[in-house]
Each structure stands twice: as C-alpha cells, then as structure tokens.
Amino acid sequence: MSNSFLSVRELQESDIELIANYWLGADQVFLQGMGVDTTKMPARNEWKEMLTDQINTPPDQKKSYCIIWQVAGKPVGHCNVNKIIFGQEAYMHLHLWQPDVRNKGYGVPFIKLTLPYFFQNLKL
C-alpha cells in the first residue's frame, strides 16, 4: 500500500538485517526509554531466526507480524504486532529506525497504511 511518498509492505528477508541493526545498534538510553530490558535482548542470530520464522509462518499461526515502513521506497522503520490471538486481537508496536525520520508527522499516515494488513491478514 502506498500514498506515493510513504508506503508499507510485509517483512522480507532483506529487512532482517535492518531490524537487527536497529535493535542491536540502538543507544542503551533510547532502548531503556522504550522500556526495553536490554539484558533480555536477543542476539543477532536469534533476531534472524525469529524474523525468518515470522516470514515463513502462516498468518493463523504467527507469534508476531511485521510491516515495513518506507519513505520514497527506502525502508525507515517497522510496525509489528505480537501477543496475537488470531481472529481476535494483537498488540502493536511502532519503530522508526533513524532519528532524522522521527517527528516528521509520518506516524499517523503509516498507521493508516498498516492497519489494513493486520485486520485483513490476522482477521482482527
């Protein structure tokens, strides 16, 4: 889905390193500000395994589901849900990877583009 400048799509294998880099390269203060317990942070190989499993798991069996956010066709963040009860509910999280993309007013448009994926594919 797209509004020409902002677009979203499902997670692809080429995105796995980008997500791992976001989490593993983030400043500790930034992570703690989001409530992340950095002592429980997965290692790079665990990120790869978790995200690869997510790509290969059917929607009704997914433990998490990720949508990639793009500005002018370039991946800049992601929105994922976890704690999925297929057909009922899921908990959403939002992440813009680079500080220069934050606070630009992209959040609401990205959410509007993302929600149809969650509602349609997870039958929420």
C-alpha atoms as a PDB file:
ATOM      1  CA  MET A   1       0.000   0.000   0.000  1.00  0.00           C
ATOM      2  CA  SER A   2       1.194   3.490  -0.733  1.00  0.00           C
ATOM      3  CA  ASN A   3       0.360   7.175  -0.689  1.00  0.00           C
ATOM      4  CA  SER A   4       3.240   7.751  -3.202  1.00  0.00           C
ATOM      5  CA  PHE A   5       5.813   9.158  -0.732  1.00  0.00           C
ATOM      6  CA  LEU A   6       5.040   6.849   2.201  1.00  0.00           C
ATOM      7  CA  SER A   7       4.478   3.155   1.620  1.00  0.00           C
ATOM      8  CA  VAL A   8       4.272  -0.061   3.610  1.00  0.00           C
ATOM      9  CA  ARG A   9       4.801  -3.715   2.829  1.00  0.00           C
ATOM     10  CA  GLU A  10       5.211  -7.031   4.564  1.00  0.00           C
ATOM     11  CA  LEU A  11       8.544  -8.049   6.042  1.00  0.00           C
ATOM     12  CA  GLN A  12      11.018  -9.597   3.572  1.00  0.00           C
ATOM     13  CA  GLU A  13      14.281 -11.440   4.201  1.00  0.00           C
ATOM     14  CA  SER A  14      16.228  -8.377   3.050  1.00  0.00           C
ATOM     15  CA  ASP A  15      14.760  -6.447   6.008  1.00  0.00           C
ATOM     16  CA  ILE A  16      16.062  -8.788   8.698  1.00  0.00           C
ATOM     17  CA  GLU A  17      19.499  -7.150   8.968  1.00  0.00           C
ATOM     18  CA  LEU A  18      17.907  -3.694   9.088  1.00  0.00           C
ATOM     19  CA  ILE A  19      15.728  -4.661  12.044  1.00  0.00           C
ATOM     20  CA  ALA A  20      18.580  -6.441  13.834  1.00  0.00           C
ATOM     21  CA  ASN A  21      20.814  -3.399  13.283  1.00  0.00           C
ATOM     22  CA  TYR A  22      18.123  -1.103  14.706  1.00  0.00           C
ATOM     23  CA  TRP A  23      17.822  -3.096  17.915  1.00  0.00           C
ATOM     24  CA  LEU A  24      21.445  -4.092  18.378  1.00  0.00           C
ATOM     25  CA  GLY A  25      22.859  -0.685  17.414  1.00  0.00           C
ATOM     26  CA  ALA A  26      20.460   1.440  19.441  1.00  0.00           C
ATOM     27  CA  ASP A  27      21.663   3.593  22.280  1.00  0.00           C
ATOM     28  CA  GLN A  28      21.034   1.994  25.682  1.00  0.00           C
ATOM     29  CA  VAL A  29      19.258   5.114  26.969  1.00  0.00           C
ATOM     30  CA  PHE A  30      16.958   5.091  23.931  1.00  0.00           C
ATOM     31  CA  LEU A  31      16.106   1.417  24.484  1.00  0.00           C
ATOM     32  CA  GLN A  32      15.510   1.897  28.198  1.00  0.00           C
ATOM     33  CA  GLY A  33      13.269   4.873  27.374  1.00  0.00           C
ATOM     34  CA  MET A  34      11.059   2.452  25.420  1.00  0.00           C
ATOM     35  CA  GLY A  35      11.001   0.081  28.375  1.00  0.00           C
ATOM     36  CA  VAL A  36      13.365  -2.476  26.835  1.00  0.00           C
ATOM     37  CA  ASP A  37      15.157  -4.751  29.272  1.00  0.00           C
ATOM     38  CA  THR A  38      18.497  -4.820  27.481  1.00  0.00           C
ATOM     39  CA  THR A  39      19.573  -7.908  29.437  1.00  0.00           C
ATOM     40  CA  LYS A  40      16.876  -9.858  27.564  1.00  0.00           C
ATOM     41  CA  MET A  41      17.772  -8.554  24.092  1.00  0.00           C
ATOM     42  CA  PRO A  42      18.119 -11.378  21.544  1.00  0.00           C
ATOM     43  CA  ALA A  43      21.472 -11.910  19.830  1.00  0.00           C
ATOM     44  CA  ARG A  44      21.783 -11.208  16.089  1.00  0.00           C
ATOM     45  CA  ASN A  45      21.338 -14.886  15.155  1.00  0.00           C
ATOM     46  CA  GLU A  46      18.183 -15.027  17.313  1.00  0.00           C
ATOM     47  CA  TRP A  47      16.767 -11.955  15.538  1.00  0.00           C
ATOM     48  CA  LYS A  48      17.443 -13.646  12.202  1.00  0.00           C
ATOM     49  CA  GLU A  49      15.777 -16.868  13.308  1.00  0.00           C
ATOM     50  CA  MET A  50      12.715 -15.134  14.808  1.00  0.00           C
ATOM     51  CA  LEU A  51      12.140 -12.913  11.779  1.00  0.00           C
ATOM     52  CA  THR A  52      12.730 -15.706   9.274  1.00  0.00           C
ATOM     53  CA  ASP A  53      10.211 -17.844  11.163  1.00  0.00           C
ATOM     54  CA  GLN A  54       7.750 -14.963  11.040  1.00  0.00           C
ATOM     55  CA  ILE A  55       8.071 -14.721   7.258  1.00  0.00           C
ATOM     56  CA  ASN A  56       7.560 -18.474   6.825  1.00  0.00           C
ATOM     57  CA  THR A  57       4.702 -18.973   9.293  1.00  0.00           C
ATOM     58  CA  PRO A  58       1.083 -18.914   8.074  1.00  0.00           C
ATOM     59  CA  PRO A  59      -0.948 -15.931   9.353  1.00  0.00           C
ATOM     60  CA  ASP A  60      -3.127 -18.009  11.677  1.00  0.00           C
ATOM     61  CA  GLN A  61      -0.021 -19.365  13.449  1.00  0.00           C
ATOM     62  CA  LYS A  62       2.131 -16.219  13.659  1.00  0.00           C
ATOM     63  CA  LYS A  63       3.521 -15.169  17.043  1.00  0.00           C
ATOM     64  CA  SER A  64       4.388 -11.767  15.576  1.00  0.00           C
ATOM     65  CA  TYR A  65       3.768  -9.989  12.288  1.00  0.00           C
ATOM     66  CA  CYS A  66       5.831  -7.121  10.889  1.00  0.00           C
ATOM     67  CA  ILE A  67       5.098  -4.438   8.323  1.00  0.00           C
ATOM     68  CA  ILE A  68       7.981  -2.389   6.912  1.00  0.00           C
ATOM     69  CA  TRP A  69       7.579   1.383   6.634  1.00  0.00           C
ATOM     70  CA  GLN A  70       9.168   3.156   3.669  1.00  0.00           C
ATOM     71  CA  VAL A  71       9.817   6.784   2.730  1.00  0.00           C
ATOM     72  CA  ALA A  72      10.340   7.272  -1.007  1.00  0.00           C
ATOM     73  CA  GLY A  73      10.804   3.497  -1.359  1.00  0.00           C
ATOM     74  CA  LYS A  74      13.519   3.265   1.318  1.00  0.00           C
ATOM     75  CA  PRO A  75      12.847   1.204   4.484  1.00  0.00           C
ATOM     76  CA  VAL A  76      12.895   3.529   7.503  1.00  0.00           C
ATOM     77  CA  GLY A  77      11.052   1.593  10.195  1.00  0.00           C
ATOM     78  CA  HIS A  78       8.566  -1.074  11.039  1.00  0.00           C
ATOM     79  CA  CYS A  79       5.325  -1.729  12.824  1.00  0.00           C
ATOM     80  CA  ASN A  80       4.733  -5.103  14.339  1.00  0.00           C
ATOM     81  CA  VAL A  81       2.140  -6.877  16.382  1.00  0.00           C
ATOM     82  CA  ASN A  82       2.682  -9.649  18.895  1.00  0.00           C
ATOM     83  CA  LYS A  83       0.623 -11.442  21.526  1.00  0.00           C
ATOM     84  CA  ILE A  84      -1.574 -12.390  18.581  1.00  0.00           C
ATOM     85  CA  ILE A  85      -4.818 -14.222  19.159  1.00  0.00           C
ATOM     86  CA  PHE A  86      -5.759 -14.899  15.549  1.00  0.00           C
ATOM     87  CA  GLY A  87      -9.171 -13.507  14.676  1.00  0.00           C
ATOM     88  CA  GLN A  88      -9.369 -11.540  17.920  1.00  0.00           C
ATOM     89  CA  GLU A  89      -6.525  -9.254  18.986  1.00  0.00           C
ATOM     90  CA  ALA A  90      -2.848  -8.296  18.798  1.00  0.00           C
ATOM     91  CA  TYR A  91      -0.585  -5.718  20.465  1.00  0.00           C
ATOM     92  CA  MET A  92       1.007  -3.123  18.165  1.00  0.00           C
ATOM     93  CA  HIS A  93       4.476  -1.538  18.370  1.00  0.00           C
ATOM     94  CA  LEU A  94       5.951   1.208  16.175  1.00  0.00           C
ATOM     95  CA  HIS A  95       9.600   1.884  15.361  1.00  0.00           C
ATOM     96  CA  LEU A  96      11.278   4.477  13.169  1.00  0.00           C
ATOM     97  CA  TRP A  97      14.897   3.433  12.838  1.00  0.00           C
ATOM     98  CA  GLN A  98      16.654   6.744  12.176  1.00  0.00           C
ATOM     99  CA  PRO A  99      16.248   9.827  14.373  1.00  0.00           C
ATOM    100  CA  ASP A 100      16.070  12.096  11.288  1.00  0.00           C
ATOM    101  CA  VAL A 101      12.844  10.373  10.186  1.00  0.00           C
ATOM    102  CA  ARG A 102      11.137  10.842  13.548  1.00  0.00           C
ATOM    103  CA  ASN A 103       8.899  13.812  14.382  1.00  0.00           C
ATOM    104  CA  LYS A 104       8.030  14.441  10.719  1.00  0.00           C
ATOM    105  CA  GLY A 105       4.326  13.636  11.004  1.00  0.00           C
ATOM    106  CA  TYR A 106       4.674  10.229   9.332  1.00  0.00           C
ATOM    107  CA  GLY A 107       3.238   8.182  12.205  1.00  0.00           C
ATOM    108  CA  VAL A 108      -0.493   8.569  11.562  1.00  0.00           C
ATOM    109  CA  PRO A 109      -0.216   8.068   7.775  1.00  0.00           C
ATOM    110  CA  PHE A 110       1.965   4.987   8.319  1.00  0.00           C
ATOM    111  CA  ILE A 111      -0.567   3.548  10.793  1.00  0.00           C
ATOM    112  CA  LYS A 112      -3.407   4.164   8.328  1.00  0.00           C
ATOM    113  CA  LEU A 113      -1.477   2.255   5.667  1.00  0.00           C
ATOM    114  CA  THR A 114      -0.504  -0.533   8.092  1.00  0.00           C
ATOM    115  CA  LEU A 115      -3.769  -1.349   9.863  1.00  0.00           C
ATOM    116  CA  PRO A 116      -5.419  -2.998   6.834  1.00  0.00           C
ATOM    117  CA  TYR A 117      -2.644  -5.632   6.821  1.00  0.00           C
ATOM    118  CA  PHE A 118      -3.270  -6.502  10.457  1.00  0.00           C
ATOM    119  CA  PHE A 119      -7.047  -6.546  10.179  1.00  0.00           C
ATOM    120  CA  GLN A 120      -7.184  -8.455   6.887  1.00  0.00           C
ATOM    121  CA  ASN A 121      -4.351 -10.950   7.368  1.00  0.00           C
ATOM    122  CA  LEU A 122      -4.878 -11.659  11.061  1.00  0.00           C
ATOM    123  CA  LYS A 123      -8.692 -11.409  10.831  1.00  0.00           C
ATOM    124  CA  LEU A 124      -8.833  -8.841  13.641  1.00  0.00           C
END
